[in-house]
Amino acid sequence: MDQAADSSELLRRIEELQREKDEKQNSLELLLRRIEGLQYGPFFVMVSCPQKPFSSQEPNIFYRKIVPPFSLFSVEMDEKVDLVEVLTRQVENLQRERDELRKDIEQLCMQQAGPGYVSVATRMLTQRTAALEQDIENLQKKLGGCLRENQNLQEELAEAYRIKSQLAELHGAALSKVSHFDLKYVAILFNKL
C-alpha cells in the first residue's frame, strides 16, 4: 500500500515536471520566434518510442513533444535536404524583397529631395558603395576560409590515399605469406602420408 502511494506520487511529480518543462520550452520557442520574426507556431509530434511504464499494469504512455519549427532531428535525410532547399529559397526571396524595398526607398528619397537631389543621391551612392565594399570584404574572407578548408581537405585526401596504398601493400604481403604457409602446410601433409 505504501509502495503504491509512493509510485503514484512519483508518477504525479514526473507528469508535473514534464508539463513544466513543456511550458518552459514553449515559452522559450515563442520568445525566440518573436526575436527572429518567425510567424510559425509550435507543433506537436507524437514520439514513437513509449515511456517505460512504472508497473506492469500500466500501459505504455506515449507523450507529446514540442518540436520547434525547422527542427531537423525528427526529419529524415531526404526531408532535411528538401527543408534546406525551401529555407534557401525563402532567404533568397527575402533578400530580393529587401533589395527591391531599398531601391523604392532610394527613389522616394530622390523624388522628395527636390533641389538637393545631387547631395541626396551622392549620400545614397556613398552608403551603397560602403555596403558593397563591406560585402566584398566579407566574401573575400569567406573565400579565403573556403580555400584553406579546400587545401586541408586535399591534404587529408592525399593522406587517406597514402594510407590506402600502404594498407593494400600490407594486405598483398599478408596474402602472399598466407599462400606461402598454405603451400608449406600442404607439402607437410603430403610428406606425412
C-alpha atoms as a PDB file:
ATOM      1  CA  MET A   1       0.000   0.000   0.000  1.00  0.00           C
ATOM      2  CA  ASP A   2       2.842   2.360   0.892  1.00  0.00           C
ATOM      3  CA  GLN A   3       4.702   1.494  -2.327  1.00  0.00           C
ATOM      4  CA  ALA A   4       1.596   2.178  -4.409  1.00  0.00           C
ATOM      5  CA  ALA A   5       1.235   5.603  -2.798  1.00  0.00           C
ATOM      6  CA  ASP A   6       4.913   6.362  -3.425  1.00  0.00           C
ATOM      7  CA  SER A   7       4.597   5.207  -7.050  1.00  0.00           C
ATOM      8  CA  SER A   8       1.517   7.326  -7.689  1.00  0.00           C
ATOM      9  CA  GLU A   9       3.192  10.328  -6.033  1.00  0.00           C
ATOM     10  CA  LEU A  10       6.304   9.837  -8.205  1.00  0.00           C
ATOM     11  CA  LEU A  11       4.165   9.460 -11.314  1.00  0.00           C
ATOM     12  CA  ARG A  12       2.250  12.640 -10.482  1.00  0.00           C
ATOM     13  CA  ARG A  13       5.509  14.530  -9.825  1.00  0.00           C
ATOM     14  CA  ILE A  14       7.045  13.301 -13.114  1.00  0.00           C
ATOM     15  CA  GLU A  15       3.967  14.403 -15.062  1.00  0.00           C
ATOM     16  CA  GLU A  16       4.069  17.784 -13.325  1.00  0.00           C
ATOM     17  CA  LEU A  17       7.761  18.242 -14.168  1.00  0.00           C
ATOM     18  CA  GLN A  18       7.115  17.201 -17.774  1.00  0.00           C
ATOM     19  CA  ARG A  19       4.338  19.809 -18.036  1.00  0.00           C
ATOM     20  CA  GLU A  20       6.607  22.496 -16.572  1.00  0.00           C
ATOM     21  CA  LYS A  21       9.371  21.535 -18.998  1.00  0.00           C
ATOM     22  CA  ASP A  22       6.965  21.666 -21.959  1.00  0.00           C
ATOM     23  CA  GLU A  23       5.624  25.061 -20.865  1.00  0.00           C
ATOM     24  CA  LYS A  24       9.118  26.499 -20.459  1.00  0.00           C
ATOM     25  CA  GLN A  25      10.205  25.093 -23.801  1.00  0.00           C
ATOM     26  CA  ASN A  26       7.091  26.519 -25.459  1.00  0.00           C
ATOM     27  CA  SER A  27       7.621  29.971 -23.933  1.00  0.00           C
ATOM     28  CA  LEU A  28      11.290  29.888 -24.968  1.00  0.00           C
ATOM     29  CA  GLU A  29      10.324  28.998 -28.535  1.00  0.00           C
ATOM     30  CA  LEU A  30       7.742  31.791 -28.598  1.00  0.00           C
ATOM     31  CA  LEU A  31      10.354  34.242 -27.367  1.00  0.00           C
ATOM     32  CA  LEU A  32      12.847  33.061 -29.987  1.00  0.00           C
ATOM     33  CA  ARG A  33      10.201  33.357 -32.682  1.00  0.00           C
ATOM     34  CA  ARG A  34       9.431  36.913 -31.617  1.00  0.00           C
ATOM     35  CA  ILE A  35      13.107  37.749 -31.732  1.00  0.00           C
ATOM     36  CA  GLU A  36      13.630  36.142 -35.125  1.00  0.00           C
ATOM     37  CA  GLY A  37      10.359  37.443 -36.523  1.00  0.00           C
ATOM     38  CA  LEU A  38       9.043  33.987 -37.330  1.00  0.00           C
ATOM     39  CA  GLN A  39       5.290  33.607 -37.520  1.00  0.00           C
ATOM     40  CA  TYR A  40       5.074  29.857 -37.194  1.00  0.00           C
ATOM     41  CA  GLY A  41       3.517  28.330 -34.100  1.00  0.00           C
ATOM     42  CA  PRO A  42       4.892  25.281 -32.369  1.00  0.00           C
ATOM     43  CA  PHE A  43       3.546  21.957 -33.451  1.00  0.00           C
ATOM     44  CA  PHE A  44       3.406  18.684 -31.635  1.00  0.00           C
ATOM     45  CA  VAL A  45       4.667  15.274 -32.638  1.00  0.00           C
ATOM     46  CA  MET A  46       3.711  12.016 -31.029  1.00  0.00           C
ATOM     47  CA  VAL A  47       7.014  10.479 -30.100  1.00  0.00           C
ATOM     48  CA  SER A  48       7.181   6.927 -31.374  1.00  0.00           C
ATOM     49  CA  CYS A  49       9.173   5.483 -28.504  1.00  0.00           C
ATOM     50  CA  PRO A  50       6.967   4.933 -25.458  1.00  0.00           C
ATOM     51  CA  GLN A  51       7.910   5.934 -21.978  1.00  0.00           C
ATOM     52  CA  LYS A  52       8.847   3.000 -19.807  1.00  0.00           C
ATOM     53  CA  PRO A  53       5.789   2.026 -17.741  1.00  0.00           C
ATOM     54  CA  PHE A  54       6.177   2.318 -13.996  1.00  0.00           C
ATOM     55  CA  SER A  55       4.468  -1.002 -13.346  1.00  0.00           C
ATOM     56  CA  SER A  56       3.339  -3.948 -15.400  1.00  0.00           C
ATOM     57  CA  GLN A  57      -0.335  -2.939 -15.034  1.00  0.00           C
ATOM     58  CA  GLU A  58       0.185   0.488 -16.615  1.00  0.00           C
ATOM     59  CA  PRO A  59       0.032   0.732 -20.398  1.00  0.00           C
ATOM     60  CA  ASN A  60       2.844   2.277 -22.366  1.00  0.00           C
ATOM     61  CA  ILE A  61       2.356   6.033 -22.328  1.00  0.00           C
ATOM     62  CA  PHE A  62       3.078   7.970 -25.475  1.00  0.00           C
ATOM     63  CA  TYR A  63       3.835  11.590 -24.820  1.00  0.00           C
ATOM     64  CA  ARG A  64       3.541  14.797 -26.786  1.00  0.00           C
ATOM     65  CA  LYS A  65       6.733  16.587 -27.535  1.00  0.00           C
ATOM     66  CA  ILE A  66       7.065  20.146 -28.748  1.00  0.00           C
ATOM     67  CA  VAL A  67       9.057  20.203 -31.941  1.00  0.00           C
ATOM     68  CA  PRO A  68      10.394  23.652 -32.807  1.00  0.00           C
ATOM     69  CA  PRO A  69       9.873  24.879 -36.359  1.00  0.00           C
ATOM     70  CA  PHE A  70      12.605  23.836 -38.749  1.00  0.00           C
ATOM     71  CA  SER A  71      13.827  21.218 -36.291  1.00  0.00           C
ATOM     72  CA  LEU A  72      15.986  18.706 -38.140  1.00  0.00           C
ATOM     73  CA  PHE A  73      16.229  15.992 -35.521  1.00  0.00           C
ATOM     74  CA  SER A  74      12.859  14.460 -36.401  1.00  0.00           C
ATOM     75  CA  VAL A  75      13.282  14.695 -40.162  1.00  0.00           C
ATOM     76  CA  GLU A  76      14.744  12.027 -42.436  1.00  0.00           C
ATOM     77  CA  MET A  77      17.814  12.800 -44.542  1.00  0.00           C
ATOM     78  CA  ASP A  78      15.960  13.470 -47.803  1.00  0.00           C
ATOM     79  CA  GLU A  79      13.487  15.659 -45.944  1.00  0.00           C
ATOM     80  CA  LYS A  80      16.430  17.581 -44.456  1.00  0.00           C
ATOM     81  CA  VAL A  81      17.681  18.333 -47.950  1.00  0.00           C
ATOM     82  CA  ASP A  82      14.193  19.460 -49.002  1.00  0.00           C
ATOM     83  CA  LEU A  83      13.931  21.650 -45.910  1.00  0.00           C
ATOM     84  CA  VAL A  84      17.307  23.232 -46.603  1.00  0.00           C
ATOM     85  CA  GLU A  85      16.255  23.947 -50.192  1.00  0.00           C
ATOM     86  CA  VAL A  86      12.973  25.504 -49.041  1.00  0.00           C
ATOM     87  CA  LEU A  87      14.739  27.653 -46.455  1.00  0.00           C
ATOM     88  CA  THR A  88      17.362  28.709 -49.007  1.00  0.00           C
ATOM     89  CA  ARG A  89      14.632  29.772 -51.419  1.00  0.00           C
ATOM     90  CA  GLN A  90      12.867  31.711 -48.661  1.00  0.00           C
ATOM     91  CA  VAL A  91      16.091  33.504 -47.749  1.00  0.00           C
ATOM     92  CA  GLU A  92      16.712  34.368 -51.404  1.00  0.00           C
ATOM     93  CA  ASN A  93      13.152  35.702 -51.756  1.00  0.00           C
ATOM     94  CA  LEU A  94      13.527  37.816 -48.620  1.00  0.00           C
ATOM     95  CA  GLN A  95      16.845  39.197 -49.840  1.00  0.00           C
ATOM     96  CA  ARG A  96      15.276  40.045 -53.197  1.00  0.00           C
ATOM     97  CA  GLU A  97      12.366  41.803 -51.452  1.00  0.00           C
ATOM     98  CA  ARG A  98      14.826  43.699 -49.230  1.00  0.00           C
ATOM     99  CA  ASP A  99      16.763  44.911 -52.274  1.00  0.00           C
ATOM    100  CA  GLU A 100      13.553  45.994 -54.016  1.00  0.00           C
ATOM    101  CA  LEU A 101      12.421  47.884 -50.912  1.00  0.00           C
ATOM    102  CA  ARG A 102      15.818  49.571 -50.666  1.00  0.00           C
ATOM    103  CA  LYS A 103      15.523  50.722 -54.292  1.00  0.00           C
ATOM    104  CA  ASP A 104      11.991  52.009 -53.663  1.00  0.00           C
ATOM    105  CA  ILE A 105      13.200  53.956 -50.618  1.00  0.00           C
ATOM    106  CA  GLU A 106      16.034  55.460 -52.650  1.00  0.00           C
ATOM    107  CA  GLN A 107      13.610  56.534 -55.388  1.00  0.00           C
ATOM    108  CA  LEU A 108      11.242  58.101 -52.853  1.00  0.00           C
ATOM    109  CA  CYS A 109      14.125  59.956 -51.210  1.00  0.00           C
ATOM    110  CA  MET A 110      15.273  61.295 -54.575  1.00  0.00           C
ATOM    111  CA  GLN A 111      11.736  62.371 -55.505  1.00  0.00           C
ATOM    112  CA  GLN A 112      11.284  64.227 -52.243  1.00  0.00           C
ATOM    113  CA  ALA A 113      14.773  65.747 -52.273  1.00  0.00           C
ATOM    114  CA  GLY A 114      13.831  68.450 -54.753  1.00  0.00           C
ATOM    115  CA  PRO A 115      16.728  70.873 -55.344  1.00  0.00           C
ATOM    116  CA  GLY A 116      19.026  68.899 -53.020  1.00  0.00           C
ATOM    117  CA  TYR A 117      18.818  65.927 -55.378  1.00  0.00           C
ATOM    118  CA  VAL A 118      22.555  65.751 -56.015  1.00  0.00           C
ATOM    119  CA  SER A 119      23.524  65.674 -52.341  1.00  0.00           C
ATOM    120  CA  VAL A 120      20.897  63.022 -51.528  1.00  0.00           C
ATOM    121  CA  ALA A 121      21.941  60.899 -54.498  1.00  0.00           C
ATOM    122  CA  THR A 122      25.611  61.247 -53.553  1.00  0.00           C
ATOM    123  CA  ARG A 123      24.905  60.261 -49.955  1.00  0.00           C
ATOM    124  CA  MET A 124      22.882  57.214 -51.015  1.00  0.00           C
ATOM    125  CA  LEU A 125      25.505  56.129 -53.525  1.00  0.00           C
ATOM    126  CA  THR A 126      28.189  56.517 -50.850  1.00  0.00           C
ATOM    127  CA  GLN A 127      26.168  54.352 -48.463  1.00  0.00           C
ATOM    128  CA  ARG A 128      25.561  51.765 -51.168  1.00  0.00           C
ATOM    129  CA  THR A 129      29.265  51.751 -52.095  1.00  0.00           C
ATOM    130  CA  ALA A 130      30.269  51.286 -48.447  1.00  0.00           C
ATOM    131  CA  ALA A 131      27.800  48.412 -48.071  1.00  0.00           C
ATOM    132  CA  LEU A 132      29.094  46.772 -51.256  1.00  0.00           C
ATOM    133  CA  GLU A 133      32.699  47.160 -50.097  1.00  0.00           C
ATOM    134  CA  GLN A 134      31.770  45.535 -46.789  1.00  0.00           C
ATOM    135  CA  ASP A 135      30.075  42.686 -48.675  1.00  0.00           C
ATOM    136  CA  ILE A 136      33.191  42.266 -50.836  1.00  0.00           C
ATOM    137  CA  GLU A 137      35.404  42.094 -47.741  1.00  0.00           C
ATOM    138  CA  ASN A 138      33.119  39.520 -46.127  1.00  0.00           C
ATOM    139  CA  LEU A 139      33.045  37.445 -49.305  1.00  0.00           C
ATOM    140  CA  GLN A 140      36.839  37.624 -49.592  1.00  0.00           C
ATOM    141  CA  LYS A 141      37.131  36.365 -46.008  1.00  0.00           C
ATOM    142  CA  LYS A 142      34.717  33.535 -46.775  1.00  0.00           C
ATOM    143  CA  LEU A 143      36.634  32.718 -49.954  1.00  0.00           C
ATOM    144  CA  GLY A 144      39.901  32.609 -48.005  1.00  0.00           C
ATOM    145  CA  GLY A 145      38.303  30.291 -45.453  1.00  0.00           C
ATOM    146  CA  CYS A 146      36.942  28.050 -48.206  1.00  0.00           C
ATOM    147  CA  LEU A 147      40.340  27.936 -49.916  1.00  0.00           C
ATOM    148  CA  ARG A 148      42.034  26.996 -46.626  1.00  0.00           C
ATOM    149  CA  GLU A 149      39.403  24.338 -45.979  1.00  0.00           C
ATOM    150  CA  ASN A 150      39.832  23.025 -49.532  1.00  0.00           C
ATOM    151  CA  GLN A 151      43.606  22.831 -49.039  1.00  0.00           C
ATOM    152  CA  ASN A 152      43.136  20.986 -45.738  1.00  0.00           C
ATOM    153  CA  LEU A 153      40.706  18.559 -47.367  1.00  0.00           C
ATOM    154  CA  GLN A 154      43.136  17.976 -50.241  1.00  0.00           C
ATOM    155  CA  GLU A 155      45.887  17.196 -47.734  1.00  0.00           C
ATOM    156  CA  GLU A 156      43.587  14.835 -45.818  1.00  0.00           C
ATOM    157  CA  LEU A 157      42.604  13.141 -49.085  1.00  0.00           C
ATOM    158  CA  ALA A 158      46.251  12.691 -50.076  1.00  0.00           C
ATOM    159  CA  GLU A 159      46.967  11.232 -46.630  1.00  0.00           C
ATOM    160  CA  ALA A 160      43.987   8.884 -46.970  1.00  0.00           C
ATOM    161  CA  TYR A 161      45.220   7.682 -50.389  1.00  0.00           C
ATOM    162  CA  ARG A 162      48.715   7.167 -48.970  1.00  0.00           C
ATOM    163  CA  ILE A 163      47.313   5.109 -46.087  1.00  0.00           C
ATOM    164  CA  LYS A 164      45.102   3.173 -48.507  1.00  0.00           C
ATOM    165  CA  SER A 165      48.089   2.265 -50.683  1.00  0.00           C
ATOM    166  CA  GLN A 166      50.081   1.210 -47.597  1.00  0.00           C
ATOM    167  CA  LEU A 167      47.182  -0.971 -46.456  1.00  0.00           C
ATOM    168  CA  ALA A 168      46.926  -2.506 -49.933  1.00  0.00           C
ATOM    169  CA  GLU A 169      50.653  -3.312 -49.855  1.00  0.00           C
ATOM    170  CA  LEU A 170      50.351  -4.835 -46.371  1.00  0.00           C
ATOM    171  CA  HIS A 171      47.316  -6.822 -47.473  1.00  0.00           C
ATOM    172  CA  GLY A 172      49.175  -8.138 -50.528  1.00  0.00           C
ATOM    173  CA  ALA A 173      52.162  -9.107 -48.368  1.00  0.00           C
ATOM    174  CA  ALA A 174      49.879 -10.842 -45.875  1.00  0.00           C
ATOM    175  CA  LEU A 175      48.142 -12.755 -48.678  1.00  0.00           C
ATOM    176  CA  SER A 176      51.457 -13.899 -50.116  1.00  0.00           C
ATOM    177  CA  LYS A 177      52.594 -15.064 -46.667  1.00  0.00           C
ATOM    178  CA  VAL A 178      49.330 -16.904 -46.119  1.00  0.00           C
ATOM    179  CA  SER A 179      49.547 -18.606 -49.512  1.00  0.00           C
ATOM    180  CA  HIS A 180      53.209 -19.486 -48.817  1.00  0.00           C
ATOM    181  CA  PHE A 181      52.245 -21.018 -45.463  1.00  0.00           C
ATOM    182  CA  ASP A 182      49.333 -22.857 -47.087  1.00  0.00           C
ATOM    183  CA  LEU A 183      51.738 -24.418 -49.611  1.00  0.00           C
ATOM    184  CA  LYS A 184      54.112 -25.446 -46.812  1.00  0.00           C
ATOM    185  CA  TYR A 185      51.220 -26.937 -44.844  1.00  0.00           C
ATOM    186  CA  VAL A 186      50.034 -28.926 -47.876  1.00  0.00           C
ATOM    187  CA  ALA A 187      53.602 -30.120 -48.500  1.00  0.00           C
ATOM    188  CA  ILE A 188      53.922 -31.238 -44.863  1.00  0.00           C
ATOM    189  CA  LEU A 189      50.630 -33.117 -45.099  1.00  0.00           C
ATOM    190  CA  PHE A 190      51.763 -34.935 -48.250  1.00  0.00           C
ATOM    191  CA  ASN A 191      55.095 -35.814 -46.640  1.00  0.00           C
ATOM    192  CA  LYS A 192      53.278 -37.391 -43.674  1.00  0.00           C
ATOM    193  CA  LEU A 193      51.190 -39.541 -45.962  1.00  0.00           C
END
